[in-house]
Amino acid sequence: MVAFRDPFDPRNKFASGCSCGAHDSQAEHDAELEAQSPARVDPVDPVASDVDTLTARCVETAVLQSIFGGDAGRRNFLRAVGASTALAAVSQVFPLDAAKALAAEAKGKLEKTKLDVGF
């Protein structure tokens, strides 16, 4: 899934024409699947296998998508300044750590499952 990839890597695209996000079209995606052996490697970063890391990546992707609006601007910016400088710059104008903490707290069961709402 595209949202779980490192958004600070200029090689990663936010969106593309296939379901995994790594190919320009669904036909190219299907052709590669047929050519590979059954032991296919998932395009999601194997380092990001725990829920907290995946949640943080989703938050980072959403923030960068809202700042740059798409792949072209984000990828050009990351190539120009680098990932660590981009992270520092974004962190100066948007509280990434607070957003990640808020997303991490949203896990778990709801406090109340039945609510009576009235006016």
N, C-alpha and C. Protein backbone atom coordinates (compact mmCIF):
# COMPACT_ATOMS: atom_id res chain seq x y z
N MET A 1 0.85 -1.17 0.00
CA MET A 1 0.00 0.00 0.00
C MET A 1 0.89 1.24 0.00
N VAL A 2 0.52 2.20 -0.79
CA VAL A 2 1.33 3.40 -0.99
C VAL A 2 1.50 4.19 0.31
N ALA A 3 0.50 4.24 1.15
CA ALA A 3 0.56 5.04 2.37
C ALA A 3 1.59 4.53 3.36
N PHE A 4 2.03 3.28 3.24
CA PHE A 4 2.97 2.72 4.18
C PHE A 4 4.41 2.88 3.74
N ARG A 5 4.66 3.45 2.59
CA ARG A 5 6.02 3.68 2.14
C ARG A 5 6.57 4.95 2.75
N ASP A 6 7.88 5.08 2.75
CA ASP A 6 8.53 6.25 3.32
C ASP A 6 8.23 7.48 2.47
N PRO A 7 7.46 8.44 2.97
CA PRO A 7 7.12 9.60 2.16
C PRO A 7 8.29 10.57 1.96
N PHE A 8 9.36 10.39 2.73
CA PHE A 8 10.52 11.25 2.58
C PHE A 8 11.54 10.67 1.62
N ASP A 9 11.18 9.63 0.89
CA ASP A 9 12.03 9.05 -0.15
C ASP A 9 11.52 9.56 -1.50
N PRO A 10 12.31 10.37 -2.22
CA PRO A 10 11.80 10.96 -3.47
C PRO A 10 11.52 9.92 -4.56
N ARG A 11 12.01 8.70 -4.40
CA ARG A 11 11.73 7.66 -5.40
C ARG A 11 10.33 7.08 -5.25
N ASN A 12 9.73 7.22 -4.07
CA ASN A 12 8.39 6.68 -3.82
C ASN A 12 7.33 7.63 -4.33
N LYS A 13 6.34 7.07 -5.01
CA LYS A 13 5.23 7.86 -5.51
C LYS A 13 4.05 7.74 -4.57
N PHE A 14 3.26 8.81 -4.46
CA PHE A 14 2.04 8.75 -3.67
C PHE A 14 0.98 7.93 -4.38
N ALA A 15 0.92 8.09 -5.66
CA ALA A 15 -0.13 7.40 -6.41
C ALA A 15 0.41 6.97 -7.76
N SER A 16 -0.18 5.95 -8.28
CA SER A 16 0.15 5.50 -9.62
C SER A 16 -1.04 4.74 -10.17
N GLY A 17 -0.83 4.14 -11.31
CA GLY A 17 -1.93 3.46 -11.97
C GLY A 17 -2.19 2.05 -11.51
N CYS A 18 -1.44 1.53 -10.53
CA CYS A 18 -1.67 0.15 -10.11
C CYS A 18 -2.06 0.10 -8.63
N SER A 19 -2.45 -1.09 -8.20
CA SER A 19 -2.96 -1.23 -6.84
C SER A 19 -1.87 -1.14 -5.78
N CYS A 20 -0.63 -1.51 -6.12
CA CYS A 20 0.44 -1.45 -5.12
C CYS A 20 1.16 -0.12 -5.12
N GLY A 21 1.03 0.66 -6.19
CA GLY A 21 1.65 1.97 -6.26
C GLY A 21 3.06 1.98 -6.81
N ALA A 22 3.58 0.84 -7.22
CA ALA A 22 4.95 0.77 -7.71
C ALA A 22 5.05 0.77 -9.24
N HIS A 23 3.94 0.66 -9.93
CA HIS A 23 3.95 0.56 -11.39
C HIS A 23 3.11 1.67 -12.01
N ASP A 24 3.40 1.96 -13.28
CA ASP A 24 2.68 3.02 -13.96
C ASP A 24 1.28 2.60 -14.41
N SER A 25 1.03 1.31 -14.52
CA SER A 25 -0.29 0.85 -14.93
C SER A 25 -0.59 -0.49 -14.28
N GLN A 26 -1.87 -0.85 -14.22
CA GLN A 26 -2.27 -2.13 -13.65
C GLN A 26 -1.77 -3.28 -14.52
N ALA A 27 -1.68 -3.08 -15.83
CA ALA A 27 -1.18 -4.12 -16.73
C ALA A 27 0.29 -4.42 -16.44
N GLU A 28 1.09 -3.38 -16.19
CA GLU A 28 2.50 -3.57 -15.84
C GLU A 28 2.62 -4.32 -14.52
N HIS A 29 1.76 -3.99 -13.57
CA HIS A 29 1.73 -4.65 -12.27
C HIS A 29 1.42 -6.14 -12.44
N ASP A 30 0.38 -6.45 -13.22
CA ASP A 30 -0.02 -7.84 -13.43
C ASP A 30 1.06 -8.63 -14.15
N ALA A 31 1.73 -8.01 -15.13
CA ALA A 31 2.79 -8.69 -15.86
C ALA A 31 3.96 -9.03 -14.94
N GLU A 32 4.30 -8.13 -14.03
CA GLU A 32 5.39 -8.42 -13.10
C GLU A 32 5.01 -9.53 -12.13
N LEU A 33 3.76 -9.54 -11.68
CA LEU A 33 3.32 -10.60 -10.79
C LEU A 33 3.42 -11.96 -11.46
N GLU A 34 3.04 -12.04 -12.72
CA GLU A 34 3.11 -13.31 -13.45
C GLU A 34 4.56 -13.75 -13.66
N ALA A 35 5.47 -12.80 -13.83
CA ALA A 35 6.87 -13.13 -14.10
C ALA A 35 7.63 -13.55 -12.85
N GLN A 36 7.15 -13.12 -11.69
CA GLN A 36 7.87 -13.42 -10.44
C GLN A 36 7.51 -14.81 -9.93
N SER A 37 8.38 -15.32 -9.10
CA SER A 37 8.13 -16.61 -8.46
C SER A 37 7.06 -16.45 -7.39
N PRO A 38 6.54 -17.56 -6.85
CA PRO A 38 5.53 -17.46 -5.78
C PRO A 38 6.02 -16.72 -4.54
N ALA A 39 7.32 -16.68 -4.30
CA ALA A 39 7.85 -15.97 -3.15
C ALA A 39 8.04 -14.50 -3.51
N ARG A 40 6.93 -13.81 -3.71
CA ARG A 40 6.94 -12.41 -4.12
C ARG A 40 7.25 -11.52 -2.93
N VAL A 41 8.05 -10.50 -3.17
CA VAL A 41 8.39 -9.53 -2.13
C VAL A 41 7.35 -8.43 -2.15
N ASP A 42 6.79 -8.13 -1.00
CA ASP A 42 5.80 -7.08 -0.88
C ASP A 42 6.48 -5.73 -1.06
N PRO A 43 5.86 -4.78 -1.83
CA PRO A 43 6.49 -3.48 -2.02
C PRO A 43 6.55 -2.63 -0.76
N VAL A 44 5.84 -3.01 0.30
CA VAL A 44 5.90 -2.27 1.55
C VAL A 44 7.25 -2.52 2.19
N ASP A 45 7.84 -1.50 2.73
CA ASP A 45 9.16 -1.59 3.36
C ASP A 45 9.12 -2.64 4.47
N PRO A 46 9.99 -3.68 4.42
CA PRO A 46 9.95 -4.71 5.46
C PRO A 46 10.35 -4.19 6.83
N VAL A 47 11.06 -3.06 6.89
CA VAL A 47 11.43 -2.48 8.18
C VAL A 47 10.19 -1.95 8.88
N ALA A 48 9.23 -1.47 8.10
CA ALA A 48 8.02 -0.87 8.67
C ALA A 48 6.95 -1.92 8.87
N SER A 49 7.23 -2.92 9.68
CA SER A 49 6.28 -4.00 9.85
C SER A 49 5.43 -3.87 11.11
N ASP A 50 5.80 -3.00 12.02
CA ASP A 50 4.98 -2.86 13.23
C ASP A 50 3.95 -1.74 13.05
N VAL A 51 2.90 -1.81 13.83
CA VAL A 51 1.76 -0.91 13.68
C VAL A 51 2.14 0.54 13.95
N ASP A 52 2.98 0.79 14.93
CA ASP A 52 3.36 2.17 15.25
C ASP A 52 4.11 2.83 14.10
N THR A 53 5.02 2.08 13.48
CA THR A 53 5.76 2.63 12.35
C THR A 53 4.84 2.87 11.16
N LEU A 54 3.93 1.95 10.93
CA LEU A 54 2.99 2.12 9.82
C LEU A 54 2.06 3.31 10.06
N THR A 55 1.63 3.50 11.30
CA THR A 55 0.79 4.65 11.63
C THR A 55 1.55 5.95 11.42
N ALA A 56 2.81 5.99 11.84
CA ALA A 56 3.63 7.18 11.65
C ALA A 56 3.83 7.48 10.17
N ARG A 57 4.05 6.46 9.37
CA ARG A 57 4.22 6.65 7.93
C ARG A 57 2.94 7.18 7.29
N CYS A 58 1.80 6.69 7.72
CA CYS A 58 0.52 7.19 7.18
C CYS A 58 0.34 8.67 7.51
N VAL A 59 0.69 9.06 8.73
CA VAL A 59 0.58 10.47 9.13
C VAL A 59 1.53 11.32 8.29
N GLU A 60 2.77 10.87 8.13
CA GLU A 60 3.75 11.63 7.34
C GLU A 60 3.27 11.77 5.89
N THR A 61 2.74 10.68 5.33
CA THR A 61 2.25 10.72 3.96
C THR A 61 1.09 11.71 3.82
N ALA A 62 0.18 11.69 4.77
CA ALA A 62 -0.97 12.60 4.72
C ALA A 62 -0.53 14.06 4.82
N VAL A 63 0.44 14.32 5.70
CA VAL A 63 0.93 15.69 5.86
C VAL A 63 1.63 16.17 4.59
N LEU A 64 2.51 15.34 4.04
CA LEU A 64 3.21 15.74 2.82
C LEU A 64 2.26 15.87 1.64
N GLN A 65 1.25 15.02 1.59
CA GLN A 65 0.24 15.13 0.52
C GLN A 65 -0.51 16.45 0.64
N SER A 66 -0.82 16.87 1.87
CA SER A 66 -1.55 18.13 2.03
C SER A 66 -0.65 19.34 1.76
N ILE A 67 0.63 19.24 2.05
CA ILE A 67 1.54 20.36 1.80
C ILE A 67 1.83 20.52 0.32
N PHE A 68 2.18 19.41 -0.35
CA PHE A 68 2.62 19.49 -1.74
C PHE A 68 1.52 19.19 -2.75
N GLY A 69 0.45 18.56 -2.33
CA GLY A 69 -0.67 18.30 -3.22
C GLY A 69 -0.46 17.20 -4.23
N GLY A 70 0.72 16.65 -4.33
CA GLY A 70 0.98 15.58 -5.28
C GLY A 70 2.43 15.17 -5.28
N ASP A 71 2.75 14.26 -6.19
CA ASP A 71 4.08 13.70 -6.23
C ASP A 71 5.14 14.65 -6.78
N ALA A 72 4.84 15.37 -7.82
CA ALA A 72 5.86 16.15 -8.53
C ALA A 72 6.56 17.16 -7.61
N GLY A 73 5.80 17.97 -6.92
CA GLY A 73 6.39 18.97 -6.02
C GLY A 73 7.14 18.34 -4.87
N ARG A 74 6.56 17.31 -4.26
CA ARG A 74 7.21 16.64 -3.14
C ARG A 74 8.53 16.00 -3.57
N ARG A 75 8.51 15.29 -4.69
CA ARG A 75 9.71 14.60 -5.15
C ARG A 75 10.81 15.59 -5.54
N ASN A 76 10.46 16.70 -6.19
CA ASN A 76 11.44 17.72 -6.54
C ASN A 76 12.03 18.36 -5.29
N PHE A 77 11.18 18.66 -4.31
CA PHE A 77 11.65 19.24 -3.05
C PHE A 77 12.61 18.29 -2.33
N LEU A 78 12.25 17.01 -2.26
CA LEU A 78 13.10 16.03 -1.57
C LEU A 78 14.43 15.84 -2.28
N ARG A 79 14.41 15.86 -3.60
CA ARG A 79 15.67 15.75 -4.34
C ARG A 79 16.56 16.97 -4.12
N ALA A 80 15.93 18.13 -3.99
CA ALA A 80 16.70 19.38 -3.84
C ALA A 80 17.32 19.51 -2.45
N VAL A 81 16.57 19.17 -1.40
CA VAL A 81 17.07 19.42 -0.05
C VAL A 81 17.44 18.17 0.73
N GLY A 82 16.94 17.02 0.33
CA GLY A 82 17.23 15.78 1.06
C GLY A 82 16.16 15.49 2.09
N ALA A 83 16.11 14.23 2.51
CA ALA A 83 15.05 13.77 3.41
C ALA A 83 15.14 14.39 4.79
N SER A 84 16.34 14.45 5.38
CA SER A 84 16.46 14.96 6.74
C SER A 84 16.14 16.45 6.82
N THR A 85 16.58 17.21 5.81
CA THR A 85 16.26 18.64 5.78
C THR A 85 14.77 18.85 5.56
N ALA A 86 14.17 18.03 4.71
CA ALA A 86 12.73 18.13 4.47
C ALA A 86 11.95 17.83 5.74
N LEU A 87 12.37 16.80 6.45
CA LEU A 87 11.71 16.45 7.71
C LEU A 87 11.82 17.59 8.71
N ALA A 88 13.00 18.20 8.81
CA ALA A 88 13.18 19.33 9.73
C ALA A 88 12.33 20.53 9.31
N ALA A 89 12.26 20.80 8.01
CA ALA A 89 11.47 21.93 7.53
C ALA A 89 9.99 21.71 7.78
N VAL A 90 9.51 20.52 7.50
CA VAL A 90 8.08 20.23 7.72
C VAL A 90 7.77 20.28 9.21
N SER A 91 8.68 19.78 10.03
CA SER A 91 8.46 19.79 11.48
C SER A 91 8.41 21.20 12.06
N GLN A 92 9.03 22.17 11.38
CA GLN A 92 8.99 23.56 11.84
C GLN A 92 7.62 24.19 11.63
N VAL A 93 6.89 23.75 10.61
CA VAL A 93 5.60 24.37 10.31
C VAL A 93 4.41 23.50 10.68
N PHE A 94 4.66 22.22 10.94
CA PHE A 94 3.58 21.31 11.32
C PHE A 94 4.08 20.39 12.41
N PRO A 95 3.33 20.23 13.50
CA PRO A 95 3.78 19.38 14.60
C PRO A 95 3.61 17.89 14.27
N LEU A 96 4.57 17.33 13.52
CA LEU A 96 4.49 15.93 13.11
C LEU A 96 4.44 14.99 14.30
N ASP A 97 5.25 15.25 15.32
CA ASP A 97 5.27 14.36 16.48
C ASP A 97 3.93 14.34 17.21
N ALA A 98 3.30 15.50 17.31
CA ALA A 98 1.98 15.57 17.95
C ALA A 98 0.93 14.83 17.12
N ALA A 99 1.00 14.95 15.80
CA ALA A 99 0.05 14.24 14.93
C ALA A 99 0.26 12.73 15.01
N LYS A 100 1.52 12.31 15.08
CA LYS A 100 1.80 10.87 15.21
C LYS A 100 1.30 10.34 16.55
N ALA A 101 1.49 11.13 17.61
CA ALA A 101 1.02 10.72 18.93
C ALA A 101 -0.51 10.64 18.96
N LEU A 102 -1.16 11.58 18.33
CA LEU A 102 -2.62 11.58 18.27
C LEU A 102 -3.12 10.36 17.51
N ALA A 103 -2.47 10.03 16.40
CA ALA A 103 -2.87 8.85 15.63
C ALA A 103 -2.62 7.57 16.41
N ALA A 104 -1.54 7.53 17.18
CA ALA A 104 -1.23 6.34 17.97
C ALA A 104 -2.22 6.15 19.11
N GLU A 105 -2.73 7.25 19.67
CA GLU A 105 -3.70 7.15 20.76
C GLU A 105 -5.06 6.69 20.29
N ALA A 106 -5.34 6.80 19.02
CA ALA A 106 -6.66 6.47 18.49
C ALA A 106 -6.91 4.97 18.42
N LYS A 107 -5.95 4.15 18.81
CA LYS A 107 -6.12 2.70 18.77
C LYS A 107 -6.97 2.23 19.94
N GLY A 108 -7.53 1.06 19.79
CA GLY A 108 -8.26 0.45 20.87
C GLY A 108 -9.76 0.53 20.70
N LYS A 109 -10.44 -0.01 21.68
CA LYS A 109 -11.89 -0.04 21.64
C LYS A 109 -12.47 1.32 22.00
N LEU A 110 -13.68 1.55 21.54
CA LEU A 110 -14.39 2.78 21.89
C LEU A 110 -14.80 2.74 23.35
N GLU A 111 -14.84 3.91 23.98
CA GLU A 111 -15.26 3.95 25.39
C GLU A 111 -16.72 3.59 25.53
N LYS A 112 -17.55 4.14 24.66
CA LYS A 112 -18.99 3.88 24.70
C LYS A 112 -19.41 3.41 23.31
N THR A 113 -20.14 2.31 23.29
CA THR A 113 -20.60 1.80 21.99
C THR A 113 -22.02 2.22 21.68
N LYS A 114 -22.79 2.60 22.70
CA LYS A 114 -24.17 3.06 22.48
C LYS A 114 -24.31 4.47 23.05
N LEU A 115 -24.67 5.40 22.17
CA LEU A 115 -24.84 6.77 22.59
C LEU A 115 -26.25 7.24 22.24
N ASP A 116 -26.82 8.02 23.11
CA ASP A 116 -28.10 8.66 22.83
C ASP A 116 -27.81 10.14 22.57
N VAL A 117 -28.04 10.56 21.35
CA VAL A 117 -27.76 11.93 20.98
C VAL A 117 -29.09 12.64 20.78
N GLY A 118 -29.26 13.77 21.40
CA GLY A 118 -30.50 14.52 21.25
C GLY A 118 -30.27 16.00 21.41
N PHE A 119 -31.28 16.74 21.03
CA PHE A 119 -31.20 18.19 21.15
C PHE A 119 -32.27 18.68 22.07
